[in-house]
N, C-alpha and C. Protein backbone atom coordinates (compact mmCIF):
# COMPACT_ATOMS: atom_id res chain seq x y z
N MET A 1 -26.62 39.18 -11.11
CA MET A 1 -25.26 39.68 -10.93
C MET A 1 -24.37 38.56 -10.39
N GLU A 2 -23.18 38.42 -10.99
CA GLU A 2 -22.29 37.31 -10.60
C GLU A 2 -21.72 37.57 -9.22
N SER A 3 -21.73 36.54 -8.40
CA SER A 3 -21.23 36.66 -7.05
C SER A 3 -19.71 36.79 -7.05
N THR A 4 -19.20 37.65 -6.18
CA THR A 4 -17.76 37.81 -6.04
C THR A 4 -17.26 37.20 -4.74
N HIS A 5 -18.14 36.43 -4.09
CA HIS A 5 -17.77 35.82 -2.82
C HIS A 5 -16.66 34.79 -3.03
N GLN A 6 -15.67 34.83 -2.19
CA GLN A 6 -14.56 33.90 -2.23
C GLN A 6 -14.50 33.11 -0.94
N PRO A 7 -14.10 31.86 -0.96
CA PRO A 7 -13.92 31.10 0.27
C PRO A 7 -13.00 31.84 1.23
N ALA A 8 -13.21 31.60 2.51
CA ALA A 8 -12.47 32.33 3.53
C ALA A 8 -10.96 32.15 3.39
N ASP A 9 -10.53 30.97 2.90
CA ASP A 9 -9.09 30.71 2.83
C ASP A 9 -8.55 30.87 1.42
N ALA A 10 -9.30 31.53 0.53
CA ALA A 10 -8.88 31.62 -0.87
C ALA A 10 -7.54 32.32 -1.03
N ASP A 11 -7.28 33.30 -0.16
CA ASP A 11 -6.05 34.07 -0.27
C ASP A 11 -4.92 33.51 0.59
N ARG A 12 -5.19 32.39 1.25
CA ARG A 12 -4.17 31.81 2.11
C ARG A 12 -3.03 31.23 1.27
N PRO A 13 -1.80 31.57 1.57
CA PRO A 13 -0.68 31.01 0.81
C PRO A 13 -0.65 29.49 0.96
N LEU A 14 -0.26 28.81 -0.12
CA LEU A 14 -0.15 27.37 -0.07
C LEU A 14 0.99 26.96 0.85
N SER A 15 0.73 25.98 1.67
CA SER A 15 1.76 25.45 2.55
C SER A 15 2.37 24.21 1.92
N ALA A 16 3.43 23.71 2.53
CA ALA A 16 4.06 22.49 2.03
C ALA A 16 3.09 21.32 2.05
N ALA A 17 2.19 21.30 3.04
CA ALA A 17 1.22 20.21 3.14
C ALA A 17 0.23 20.24 1.99
N ASP A 18 -0.07 21.44 1.47
CA ASP A 18 -1.01 21.54 0.35
C ASP A 18 -0.43 20.96 -0.93
N GLU A 19 0.88 20.85 -1.00
CA GLU A 19 1.54 20.41 -2.22
C GLU A 19 1.93 18.94 -2.17
N ARG A 20 1.43 18.21 -1.17
CA ARG A 20 1.75 16.81 -1.01
C ARG A 20 0.47 16.01 -0.81
N SER A 21 0.50 14.75 -1.21
CA SER A 21 -0.66 13.88 -1.05
C SER A 21 -0.22 12.50 -0.57
N ASP A 22 -1.13 11.85 0.16
CA ASP A 22 -0.91 10.47 0.58
C ASP A 22 -1.45 9.55 -0.50
N LEU A 23 -0.70 8.50 -0.82
CA LEU A 23 -1.14 7.54 -1.82
C LEU A 23 -0.46 6.21 -1.56
N VAL A 24 -0.91 5.20 -2.30
CA VAL A 24 -0.29 3.87 -2.24
C VAL A 24 0.10 3.49 -3.65
N LEU A 25 1.39 3.26 -3.86
CA LEU A 25 1.86 2.79 -5.15
C LEU A 25 2.08 1.28 -5.08
N ASP A 26 1.48 0.56 -6.00
CA ASP A 26 1.68 -0.89 -6.10
C ASP A 26 2.81 -1.13 -7.08
N VAL A 27 3.96 -1.53 -6.57
CA VAL A 27 5.13 -1.74 -7.41
C VAL A 27 5.60 -3.19 -7.27
N ASN A 28 5.60 -3.90 -8.37
CA ASN A 28 6.02 -5.30 -8.39
C ASN A 28 5.25 -6.14 -7.38
N GLY A 29 3.96 -5.82 -7.22
CA GLY A 29 3.10 -6.59 -6.35
C GLY A 29 3.15 -6.20 -4.89
N THR A 30 3.94 -5.19 -4.54
CA THR A 30 4.05 -4.73 -3.16
C THR A 30 3.46 -3.34 -3.02
N PRO A 31 2.52 -3.13 -2.09
CA PRO A 31 1.96 -1.79 -1.90
C PRO A 31 2.90 -0.93 -1.05
N TYR A 32 3.15 0.31 -1.48
CA TYR A 32 4.01 1.23 -0.76
C TYR A 32 3.22 2.49 -0.39
N PRO A 33 2.85 2.66 0.89
CA PRO A 33 2.20 3.90 1.31
C PRO A 33 3.22 5.04 1.27
N LEU A 34 2.88 6.14 0.61
CA LEU A 34 3.82 7.23 0.43
C LEU A 34 3.11 8.57 0.60
N THR A 35 3.86 9.57 1.00
CA THR A 35 3.40 10.95 0.98
C THR A 35 4.35 11.70 0.05
N LEU A 36 3.82 12.20 -1.06
CA LEU A 36 4.69 12.73 -2.11
C LEU A 36 4.30 14.14 -2.53
N ASP A 37 5.30 14.90 -2.90
CA ASP A 37 5.08 16.17 -3.58
C ASP A 37 4.36 15.88 -4.90
N HIS A 38 3.43 16.73 -5.26
CA HIS A 38 2.63 16.49 -6.47
C HIS A 38 3.47 16.47 -7.74
N ARG A 39 4.65 17.04 -7.69
CA ARG A 39 5.50 17.10 -8.89
C ARG A 39 6.41 15.89 -9.04
N THR A 40 6.40 14.98 -8.07
CA THR A 40 7.32 13.84 -8.09
C THR A 40 6.93 12.85 -9.18
N THR A 41 7.92 12.44 -9.97
CA THR A 41 7.66 11.46 -11.03
C THR A 41 7.79 10.04 -10.49
N VAL A 42 7.19 9.11 -11.22
CA VAL A 42 7.33 7.69 -10.85
C VAL A 42 8.80 7.29 -10.87
N LEU A 43 9.55 7.77 -11.84
CA LEU A 43 10.97 7.41 -11.93
C LEU A 43 11.72 7.82 -10.67
N ASP A 44 11.48 9.03 -10.19
CA ASP A 44 12.18 9.48 -8.98
C ASP A 44 11.74 8.70 -7.75
N VAL A 45 10.46 8.33 -7.67
CA VAL A 45 10.01 7.51 -6.55
C VAL A 45 10.71 6.16 -6.58
N LEU A 46 10.74 5.54 -7.74
CA LEU A 46 11.36 4.22 -7.86
C LEU A 46 12.82 4.26 -7.42
N ARG A 47 13.55 5.23 -7.91
CA ARG A 47 15.00 5.27 -7.67
C ARG A 47 15.35 5.84 -6.30
N GLU A 48 14.70 6.94 -5.92
CA GLU A 48 15.12 7.66 -4.72
C GLU A 48 14.40 7.21 -3.46
N ARG A 49 13.16 6.74 -3.59
CA ARG A 49 12.40 6.36 -2.41
C ARG A 49 12.35 4.85 -2.19
N LEU A 50 12.28 4.08 -3.28
CA LEU A 50 12.11 2.63 -3.17
C LEU A 50 13.39 1.85 -3.44
N GLY A 51 14.43 2.51 -3.89
CA GLY A 51 15.69 1.83 -4.15
C GLY A 51 15.67 0.90 -5.34
N LEU A 52 14.73 1.09 -6.25
CA LEU A 52 14.63 0.26 -7.46
C LEU A 52 15.31 1.02 -8.59
N THR A 53 16.59 0.73 -8.79
CA THR A 53 17.38 1.52 -9.73
C THR A 53 17.47 0.90 -11.12
N GLY A 54 16.65 -0.11 -11.40
CA GLY A 54 16.65 -0.69 -12.73
C GLY A 54 16.25 0.32 -13.77
N ALA A 55 15.15 1.04 -13.54
CA ALA A 55 14.73 2.10 -14.46
C ALA A 55 15.74 3.23 -14.38
N LYS A 56 16.26 3.63 -15.52
CA LYS A 56 17.35 4.60 -15.57
C LYS A 56 16.86 6.00 -15.94
N LYS A 57 17.54 6.99 -15.37
CA LYS A 57 17.28 8.39 -15.74
C LYS A 57 18.22 8.74 -16.89
N GLY A 58 17.66 8.75 -18.08
CA GLY A 58 18.46 9.05 -19.26
C GLY A 58 18.30 10.49 -19.67
N CYS A 59 17.29 10.74 -20.52
CA CYS A 59 17.05 12.11 -21.00
C CYS A 59 16.14 12.90 -20.06
N ASP A 60 15.31 12.21 -19.27
CA ASP A 60 14.33 12.83 -18.38
C ASP A 60 13.28 13.63 -19.15
N HIS A 61 13.13 13.33 -20.45
CA HIS A 61 12.14 14.01 -21.29
C HIS A 61 11.29 13.02 -22.09
N GLY A 62 11.35 11.74 -21.76
CA GLY A 62 10.54 10.76 -22.47
C GLY A 62 10.99 10.45 -23.87
N GLN A 63 12.28 10.68 -24.16
CA GLN A 63 12.74 10.52 -25.54
C GLN A 63 13.71 9.35 -25.73
N CYS A 64 14.20 8.75 -24.63
CA CYS A 64 15.22 7.70 -24.80
C CYS A 64 14.73 6.31 -24.40
N GLY A 65 13.71 6.22 -23.55
CA GLY A 65 13.15 4.94 -23.16
C GLY A 65 13.89 4.22 -22.06
N ALA A 66 14.97 4.81 -21.50
CA ALA A 66 15.74 4.12 -20.47
C ALA A 66 14.94 3.91 -19.19
N CYS A 67 13.89 4.70 -19.00
CA CYS A 67 13.10 4.62 -17.76
C CYS A 67 11.81 3.81 -17.93
N THR A 68 11.68 3.08 -19.03
CA THR A 68 10.43 2.38 -19.32
C THR A 68 10.04 1.38 -18.24
N VAL A 69 8.79 1.44 -17.82
CA VAL A 69 8.19 0.48 -16.90
C VAL A 69 6.85 0.05 -17.48
N LEU A 70 6.18 -0.87 -16.82
CA LEU A 70 4.85 -1.29 -17.22
C LEU A 70 3.85 -0.76 -16.21
N VAL A 71 2.79 -0.14 -16.68
CA VAL A 71 1.72 0.36 -15.83
C VAL A 71 0.44 -0.34 -16.26
N ASP A 72 -0.10 -1.16 -15.37
CA ASP A 72 -1.25 -1.99 -15.72
C ASP A 72 -0.98 -2.79 -16.99
N GLY A 73 0.26 -3.24 -17.13
CA GLY A 73 0.63 -4.10 -18.25
C GLY A 73 1.03 -3.38 -19.51
N ARG A 74 0.91 -2.05 -19.54
CA ARG A 74 1.27 -1.28 -20.73
C ARG A 74 2.53 -0.49 -20.46
N ARG A 75 3.43 -0.43 -21.43
CA ARG A 75 4.69 0.26 -21.22
C ARG A 75 4.50 1.77 -21.17
N ALA A 76 5.34 2.42 -20.38
CA ALA A 76 5.24 3.87 -20.22
C ALA A 76 6.59 4.40 -19.78
N ASN A 77 6.86 5.65 -20.13
CA ASN A 77 8.08 6.33 -19.68
C ASN A 77 7.84 6.88 -18.29
N SER A 78 8.51 6.30 -17.31
CA SER A 78 8.24 6.68 -15.92
C SER A 78 8.70 8.09 -15.60
N CYS A 79 9.59 8.67 -16.41
CA CYS A 79 10.03 10.04 -16.15
C CYS A 79 8.94 11.05 -16.46
N LEU A 80 7.90 10.64 -17.19
CA LEU A 80 6.81 11.55 -17.56
C LEU A 80 5.55 11.33 -16.73
N LEU A 81 5.56 10.32 -15.86
CA LEU A 81 4.37 9.99 -15.08
C LEU A 81 4.44 10.63 -13.69
N LEU A 82 3.41 11.41 -13.35
CA LEU A 82 3.33 11.92 -11.99
C LEU A 82 2.88 10.80 -11.07
N ALA A 83 3.61 10.59 -10.00
CA ALA A 83 3.32 9.47 -9.10
C ALA A 83 1.93 9.56 -8.50
N VAL A 84 1.46 10.78 -8.18
CA VAL A 84 0.16 10.92 -7.53
C VAL A 84 -0.98 10.48 -8.45
N ALA A 85 -0.72 10.40 -9.75
CA ALA A 85 -1.75 9.97 -10.70
C ALA A 85 -1.77 8.46 -10.89
N GLN A 86 -0.86 7.75 -10.22
CA GLN A 86 -0.76 6.30 -10.40
C GLN A 86 -1.32 5.52 -9.21
N ASP A 87 -1.97 6.21 -8.29
CA ASP A 87 -2.55 5.55 -7.13
C ASP A 87 -3.55 4.49 -7.59
N GLY A 88 -3.36 3.25 -7.15
CA GLY A 88 -4.27 2.17 -7.52
C GLY A 88 -3.86 1.41 -8.76
N ARG A 89 -2.86 1.88 -9.49
CA ARG A 89 -2.40 1.16 -10.67
C ARG A 89 -1.24 0.23 -10.31
N GLN A 90 -1.03 -0.78 -11.14
CA GLN A 90 0.03 -1.75 -10.90
C GLN A 90 1.24 -1.40 -11.75
N ILE A 91 2.33 -1.12 -11.09
CA ILE A 91 3.57 -0.75 -11.77
C ILE A 91 4.53 -1.93 -11.70
N THR A 92 5.10 -2.30 -12.83
CA THR A 92 6.09 -3.38 -12.88
C THR A 92 7.38 -2.82 -13.45
N THR A 93 8.47 -3.01 -12.71
CA THR A 93 9.79 -2.61 -13.17
C THR A 93 10.56 -3.85 -13.59
N VAL A 94 11.76 -3.64 -14.10
CA VAL A 94 12.56 -4.79 -14.52
C VAL A 94 12.85 -5.71 -13.34
N GLU A 95 12.90 -5.14 -12.12
CA GLU A 95 13.13 -5.97 -10.94
C GLU A 95 11.98 -6.94 -10.67
N GLY A 96 10.81 -6.65 -11.22
CA GLY A 96 9.64 -7.47 -10.96
C GLY A 96 9.31 -8.47 -12.04
N LEU A 97 10.16 -8.62 -13.04
CA LEU A 97 9.84 -9.52 -14.16
C LEU A 97 10.21 -10.97 -13.88
N ALA A 98 11.28 -11.18 -13.15
CA ALA A 98 11.72 -12.56 -12.88
C ALA A 98 10.82 -13.22 -11.85
N ASP A 99 10.81 -14.53 -11.84
CA ASP A 99 10.06 -15.31 -10.86
C ASP A 99 11.07 -16.00 -9.96
N GLY A 100 11.44 -15.31 -8.88
CA GLY A 100 12.51 -15.82 -8.03
C GLY A 100 13.82 -15.85 -8.80
N GLU A 101 14.44 -17.02 -8.88
CA GLU A 101 15.69 -17.17 -9.62
C GLU A 101 15.45 -17.49 -11.10
N ARG A 102 14.19 -17.65 -11.45
CA ARG A 102 13.86 -17.99 -12.84
C ARG A 102 13.65 -16.70 -13.64
N LEU A 103 14.51 -16.47 -14.61
CA LEU A 103 14.43 -15.25 -15.40
C LEU A 103 13.19 -15.22 -16.26
N HIS A 104 12.71 -14.02 -16.51
CA HIS A 104 11.67 -13.82 -17.51
C HIS A 104 12.23 -14.26 -18.87
N PRO A 105 11.42 -14.82 -19.76
CA PRO A 105 11.92 -15.26 -21.07
C PRO A 105 12.69 -14.18 -21.83
N LEU A 106 12.27 -12.93 -21.70
CA LEU A 106 13.00 -11.86 -22.40
C LEU A 106 14.35 -11.60 -21.75
N GLN A 107 14.43 -11.67 -20.44
CA GLN A 107 15.73 -11.52 -19.79
C GLN A 107 16.70 -12.60 -20.25
N LYS A 108 16.20 -13.83 -20.31
CA LYS A 108 17.05 -14.94 -20.76
C LYS A 108 17.45 -14.75 -22.22
N ALA A 109 16.50 -14.29 -23.06
CA ALA A 109 16.81 -14.08 -24.47
C ALA A 109 17.86 -13.00 -24.66
N PHE A 110 17.78 -11.92 -23.86
CA PHE A 110 18.79 -10.87 -23.96
C PHE A 110 20.18 -11.42 -23.59
N LEU A 111 20.23 -12.30 -22.59
CA LEU A 111 21.51 -12.91 -22.24
C LEU A 111 22.00 -13.85 -23.34
N ASP A 112 21.10 -14.70 -23.81
CA ASP A 112 21.48 -15.68 -24.82
C ASP A 112 21.97 -15.02 -26.10
N ARG A 113 21.34 -13.91 -26.46
CA ARG A 113 21.68 -13.20 -27.70
C ARG A 113 22.77 -12.15 -27.49
N ASP A 114 23.23 -11.99 -26.25
CA ASP A 114 24.21 -10.94 -25.95
C ASP A 114 23.69 -9.59 -26.46
N ALA A 115 22.42 -9.30 -26.11
CA ALA A 115 21.75 -8.12 -26.66
C ALA A 115 21.95 -6.89 -25.78
N LEU A 116 23.16 -6.72 -25.27
CA LEU A 116 23.48 -5.57 -24.44
C LEU A 116 24.98 -5.36 -24.45
N GLN A 117 25.36 -4.13 -24.18
CA GLN A 117 26.78 -3.85 -24.03
C GLN A 117 27.01 -3.18 -22.68
N CYS A 118 26.82 -1.86 -22.58
CA CYS A 118 27.04 -1.23 -21.27
C CYS A 118 25.93 -1.58 -20.29
N GLY A 119 24.74 -1.92 -20.78
CA GLY A 119 23.64 -2.33 -19.92
C GLY A 119 22.76 -1.21 -19.41
N TYR A 120 23.12 0.05 -19.69
CA TYR A 120 22.35 1.16 -19.12
C TYR A 120 20.92 1.20 -19.63
N CYS A 121 20.74 0.96 -20.91
CA CYS A 121 19.39 1.01 -21.50
C CYS A 121 18.65 -0.31 -21.39
N THR A 122 19.34 -1.38 -20.99
CA THR A 122 18.76 -2.72 -21.07
C THR A 122 17.49 -2.92 -20.26
N PRO A 123 17.39 -2.44 -19.00
CA PRO A 123 16.13 -2.61 -18.28
C PRO A 123 14.94 -1.99 -19.02
N GLY A 124 15.14 -0.79 -19.57
CA GLY A 124 14.07 -0.16 -20.33
C GLY A 124 13.75 -0.92 -21.60
N GLN A 125 14.79 -1.44 -22.26
CA GLN A 125 14.58 -2.24 -23.47
C GLN A 125 13.74 -3.47 -23.15
N ILE A 126 14.06 -4.15 -22.05
CA ILE A 126 13.36 -5.38 -21.69
C ILE A 126 11.91 -5.08 -21.33
N CYS A 127 11.69 -4.05 -20.51
CA CYS A 127 10.30 -3.70 -20.14
C CYS A 127 9.50 -3.29 -21.37
N SER A 128 10.14 -2.53 -22.27
CA SER A 128 9.45 -2.14 -23.49
C SER A 128 9.12 -3.35 -24.33
N ALA A 129 10.04 -4.32 -24.41
CA ALA A 129 9.80 -5.53 -25.20
C ALA A 129 8.64 -6.34 -24.63
N VAL A 130 8.53 -6.40 -23.30
CA VAL A 130 7.38 -7.08 -22.68
C VAL A 130 6.09 -6.41 -23.15
N GLY A 131 6.10 -5.07 -23.17
CA GLY A 131 4.93 -4.35 -23.65
C GLY A 131 4.65 -4.61 -25.12
N VAL A 132 5.70 -4.70 -25.92
CA VAL A 132 5.54 -4.96 -27.35
C VAL A 132 4.87 -6.31 -27.58
N LEU A 133 5.32 -7.33 -26.87
CA LEU A 133 4.73 -8.66 -27.04
C LEU A 133 3.25 -8.65 -26.68
N ALA A 134 2.90 -7.95 -25.61
CA ALA A 134 1.50 -7.89 -25.20
C ALA A 134 0.66 -7.11 -26.21
N GLU A 135 1.19 -5.98 -26.69
CA GLU A 135 0.46 -5.16 -27.65
C GLU A 135 0.20 -5.94 -28.94
N ALA A 136 1.22 -6.63 -29.44
CA ALA A 136 1.05 -7.41 -30.67
C ALA A 136 0.05 -8.54 -30.46
N ALA A 137 0.12 -9.21 -29.31
CA ALA A 137 -0.81 -10.31 -29.02
C ALA A 137 -2.25 -9.80 -28.93
N ASP A 138 -2.42 -8.55 -28.47
CA ASP A 138 -3.76 -7.99 -28.34
C ASP A 138 -4.25 -7.32 -29.62
N GLY A 139 -3.44 -7.37 -30.67
CA GLY A 139 -3.89 -6.88 -31.98
C GLY A 139 -3.68 -5.41 -32.24
N PHE A 140 -2.84 -4.74 -31.45
CA PHE A 140 -2.58 -3.32 -31.71
C PHE A 140 -1.63 -3.18 -32.89
N PRO A 141 -2.03 -2.49 -33.96
CA PRO A 141 -1.15 -2.34 -35.12
C PRO A 141 -0.07 -1.29 -34.88
N SER A 142 0.97 -1.33 -35.70
CA SER A 142 2.02 -0.31 -35.68
C SER A 142 2.04 0.38 -37.04
N HIS A 143 2.97 1.29 -37.21
CA HIS A 143 3.08 2.02 -38.47
C HIS A 143 3.39 1.08 -39.65
N VAL A 144 4.05 -0.05 -39.38
CA VAL A 144 4.44 -0.94 -40.47
C VAL A 144 3.52 -2.15 -40.60
N THR A 145 2.48 -2.25 -39.77
CA THR A 145 1.54 -3.36 -39.90
C THR A 145 0.78 -3.23 -41.22
N PRO A 146 0.71 -4.29 -42.03
CA PRO A 146 0.01 -4.20 -43.31
C PRO A 146 -1.46 -3.79 -43.13
N TYR A 147 -1.93 -2.97 -44.03
CA TYR A 147 -3.33 -2.55 -43.97
C TYR A 147 -4.28 -3.73 -44.14
N THR A 148 -3.78 -4.80 -44.74
CA THR A 148 -4.61 -5.98 -44.98
C THR A 148 -4.70 -6.89 -43.76
N ALA A 149 -3.95 -6.56 -42.69
CA ALA A 149 -3.97 -7.41 -41.49
C ALA A 149 -5.35 -7.35 -40.86
N PRO A 150 -5.94 -8.50 -40.48
CA PRO A 150 -7.26 -8.51 -39.85
C PRO A 150 -7.28 -7.68 -38.57
N SER A 151 -8.29 -6.87 -38.41
CA SER A 151 -8.40 -6.02 -37.23
C SER A 151 -8.67 -6.84 -35.98
N GLY A 152 -7.97 -6.51 -34.91
CA GLY A 152 -8.23 -7.14 -33.62
C GLY A 152 -7.61 -8.50 -33.43
N THR A 153 -6.86 -8.98 -34.40
CA THR A 153 -6.20 -10.28 -34.27
C THR A 153 -4.72 -10.06 -33.98
N PRO A 154 -4.04 -11.04 -33.37
CA PRO A 154 -2.62 -10.86 -33.06
C PRO A 154 -1.80 -10.46 -34.28
N VAL A 155 -0.87 -9.55 -34.08
CA VAL A 155 0.00 -9.06 -35.14
C VAL A 155 1.28 -9.88 -35.15
N GLU A 156 1.68 -10.36 -36.32
CA GLU A 156 2.92 -11.12 -36.42
C GLU A 156 4.11 -10.21 -36.19
N LEU A 157 4.96 -10.57 -35.25
CA LEU A 157 6.11 -9.73 -34.93
C LEU A 157 7.28 -10.09 -35.83
N THR A 158 7.24 -9.53 -37.03
CA THR A 158 8.36 -9.66 -37.95
C THR A 158 9.50 -8.76 -37.46
N PRO A 159 10.71 -8.92 -37.99
CA PRO A 159 11.79 -8.01 -37.60
C PRO A 159 11.44 -6.54 -37.82
N ASP A 160 10.74 -6.23 -38.93
CA ASP A 160 10.33 -4.85 -39.16
C ASP A 160 9.37 -4.36 -38.08
N GLU A 161 8.44 -5.22 -37.67
CA GLU A 161 7.50 -4.85 -36.61
C GLU A 161 8.26 -4.59 -35.30
N ILE A 162 9.20 -5.46 -34.98
CA ILE A 162 9.95 -5.31 -33.74
C ILE A 162 10.75 -4.02 -33.76
N ARG A 163 11.43 -3.74 -34.87
CA ARG A 163 12.22 -2.51 -34.97
C ARG A 163 11.34 -1.28 -34.82
N GLU A 164 10.18 -1.28 -35.46
CA GLU A 164 9.28 -0.14 -35.37
C GLU A 164 8.77 0.05 -33.94
N ARG A 165 8.33 -1.03 -33.33
CA ARG A 165 7.73 -0.93 -32.00
C ARG A 165 8.76 -0.63 -30.91
N MET A 166 10.00 -0.99 -31.14
CA MET A 166 11.06 -0.73 -30.16
C MET A 166 11.82 0.56 -30.46
N SER A 167 11.38 1.32 -31.44
CA SER A 167 12.15 2.48 -31.89
C SER A 167 12.23 3.59 -30.86
N GLY A 168 11.36 3.57 -29.86
CA GLY A 168 11.41 4.59 -28.81
C GLY A 168 12.45 4.32 -27.74
N ASN A 169 13.12 3.17 -27.82
CA ASN A 169 14.16 2.81 -26.86
C ASN A 169 15.52 2.90 -27.53
N LEU A 170 16.30 3.87 -27.12
CA LEU A 170 17.59 4.11 -27.75
C LEU A 170 18.69 3.30 -27.08
N CYS A 171 19.61 2.79 -27.89
CA CYS A 171 20.80 2.09 -27.39
C CYS A 171 22.01 2.78 -28.00
N ARG A 172 22.71 3.52 -27.20
CA ARG A 172 23.85 4.28 -27.73
C ARG A 172 25.04 3.38 -28.03
N CYS A 173 25.03 2.14 -27.55
CA CYS A 173 26.08 1.19 -27.89
C CYS A 173 25.82 0.52 -29.25
N GLY A 174 24.60 0.63 -29.75
CA GLY A 174 24.30 0.05 -31.05
C GLY A 174 24.02 -1.44 -31.05
N ALA A 175 23.36 -1.94 -29.99
CA ALA A 175 23.08 -3.38 -29.90
C ALA A 175 21.76 -3.74 -30.57
N TYR A 176 21.25 -2.89 -31.43
CA TYR A 176 19.92 -3.08 -32.01
C TYR A 176 19.70 -4.42 -32.70
N PRO A 177 20.63 -4.91 -33.56
CA PRO A 177 20.37 -6.19 -34.23
C PRO A 177 20.15 -7.33 -33.23
N ARG A 178 20.94 -7.37 -32.15
CA ARG A 178 20.78 -8.43 -31.16
C ARG A 178 19.50 -8.25 -30.35
N ILE A 179 19.11 -7.01 -30.12
CA ILE A 179 17.85 -6.76 -29.40
C ILE A 179 16.68 -7.28 -30.22
N VAL A 180 16.68 -7.01 -31.51
CA VAL A 180 15.62 -7.51 -32.39
C VAL A 180 15.60 -9.03 -32.35
N ASP A 181 16.77 -9.65 -32.39
CA ASP A 181 16.85 -11.11 -32.33
C ASP A 181 16.28 -11.64 -31.02
N ALA A 182 16.61 -10.96 -29.91
CA ALA A 182 16.15 -11.43 -28.60
C ALA A 182 14.63 -11.35 -28.49
N VAL A 183 14.06 -10.26 -28.97
CA VAL A 183 12.60 -10.13 -28.94
C VAL A 183 11.96 -11.18 -29.84
N GLY A 184 12.57 -11.39 -31.01
CA GLY A 184 12.05 -12.40 -31.92
C GLY A 184 12.09 -13.79 -31.33
N ASP A 185 13.15 -14.09 -30.57
CA ASP A 185 13.27 -15.42 -29.96
C ASP A 185 12.16 -15.67 -28.93
N THR A 186 11.59 -14.61 -28.40
CA THR A 186 10.61 -14.75 -27.32
C THR A 186 9.18 -14.82 -27.83
N ARG A 187 8.99 -14.63 -29.12
CA ARG A 187 7.63 -14.60 -29.66
C ARG A 187 6.85 -15.88 -29.38
N GLU A 188 7.47 -17.02 -29.62
CA GLU A 188 6.76 -18.28 -29.44
C GLU A 188 6.41 -18.52 -27.98
N ALA A 189 7.33 -18.17 -27.08
CA ALA A 189 7.06 -18.33 -25.65
C ALA A 189 5.89 -17.45 -25.24
N HIS A 190 5.84 -16.25 -25.79
CA HIS A 190 4.73 -15.36 -25.45
C HIS A 190 3.42 -15.89 -25.98
N ALA A 191 3.45 -16.42 -27.19
CA ALA A 191 2.22 -16.99 -27.76
C ALA A 191 1.69 -18.13 -26.91
N ALA A 192 2.61 -18.82 -26.20
CA ALA A 192 2.19 -19.91 -25.32
C ALA A 192 1.77 -19.42 -23.94
N GLY A 193 1.83 -18.09 -23.75
CA GLY A 193 1.36 -17.52 -22.50
C GLY A 193 2.41 -17.48 -21.41
N ASP A 194 3.70 -17.57 -21.78
CA ASP A 194 4.75 -17.63 -20.77
C ASP A 194 5.48 -16.32 -20.55
N ALA A 195 5.09 -15.25 -21.26
CA ALA A 195 5.91 -14.05 -21.21
C ALA A 195 5.15 -12.81 -20.79
N ARG A 196 4.23 -12.94 -19.86
CA ARG A 196 3.45 -11.79 -19.44
C ARG A 196 3.87 -11.22 -18.08
N GLY A 197 5.02 -11.63 -17.58
CA GLY A 197 5.49 -11.01 -16.35
C GLY A 197 5.61 -12.00 -15.22
N GLY A 198 6.02 -11.51 -14.05
CA GLY A 198 6.23 -12.38 -12.91
C GLY A 198 6.39 -11.57 -11.66
N ARG A 199 7.10 -12.12 -10.71
CA ARG A 199 7.32 -11.44 -9.43
C ARG A 199 8.77 -10.98 -9.33
N ALA A 200 9.05 -10.29 -8.28
CA ALA A 200 10.39 -9.75 -8.11
C ALA A 200 11.40 -10.88 -7.99
N GLY A 201 12.62 -10.63 -8.47
CA GLY A 201 13.66 -11.64 -8.36
C GLY A 201 14.90 -11.20 -9.11
N SER A 202 15.65 -12.16 -9.66
CA SER A 202 16.88 -11.86 -10.35
C SER A 202 16.62 -10.98 -11.55
N VAL A 203 17.55 -10.11 -11.85
CA VAL A 203 17.38 -9.15 -12.94
C VAL A 203 18.59 -9.23 -13.85
N VAL A 204 18.34 -9.08 -15.14
CA VAL A 204 19.44 -9.02 -16.09
C VAL A 204 19.56 -7.58 -16.58
N GLY A 205 20.77 -7.17 -16.83
CA GLY A 205 20.99 -5.86 -17.45
C GLY A 205 20.72 -4.70 -16.56
N GLY A 206 21.00 -4.82 -15.26
CA GLY A 206 20.77 -3.69 -14.38
C GLY A 206 21.65 -2.50 -14.71
N GLY A 207 22.84 -2.74 -15.22
CA GLY A 207 23.72 -1.65 -15.60
C GLY A 207 24.13 -0.82 -14.39
N ALA A 208 24.73 0.34 -14.67
CA ALA A 208 25.17 1.23 -13.61
C ALA A 208 23.98 1.88 -12.94
N GLU A 209 24.07 2.08 -11.65
CA GLU A 209 23.00 2.75 -10.94
C GLU A 209 23.10 4.24 -11.10
């Protein structure tokens, strides 16, 4: 016969403490001890708790890419990530890409190509582009990668590849051609190992907070 025994506190109403957890978020190389509600997203922690407003709250549904950050080197929409699930992972925002006063190659390329207008989507575009360069270098194919491409070898970032891989980042100003050019300009630097990230410092394209 199945036991109907329940723990003594099974019927106890959940308290505010039950809905919060202690964790440490590693953001741009700095550990932040936090106590957070389980429903808190990484985006809200970055903006409201840590003052890192580079990642933007656009659609808040993972559809525009304005909140893109890097988690363990892979791009992700921070509005969809629960912060309590990121304990122990390394999060990099646009604020963490530069090396002091030395801009990340993609930040410099966006400036050189004038690949922004209002700047609201630019931090997410840049973080996503960093992820694109890493994914292509690691051999991850996209929808437009030729079937004849050797498996597991770096994928050539043609303009079509860049457009496809960046398609999740929307720019309502329509700066797409310059964005593609900026990412393309950075391919050689990435191949030389110069475009995999850095420490906190100067930021391009912060846009409105």
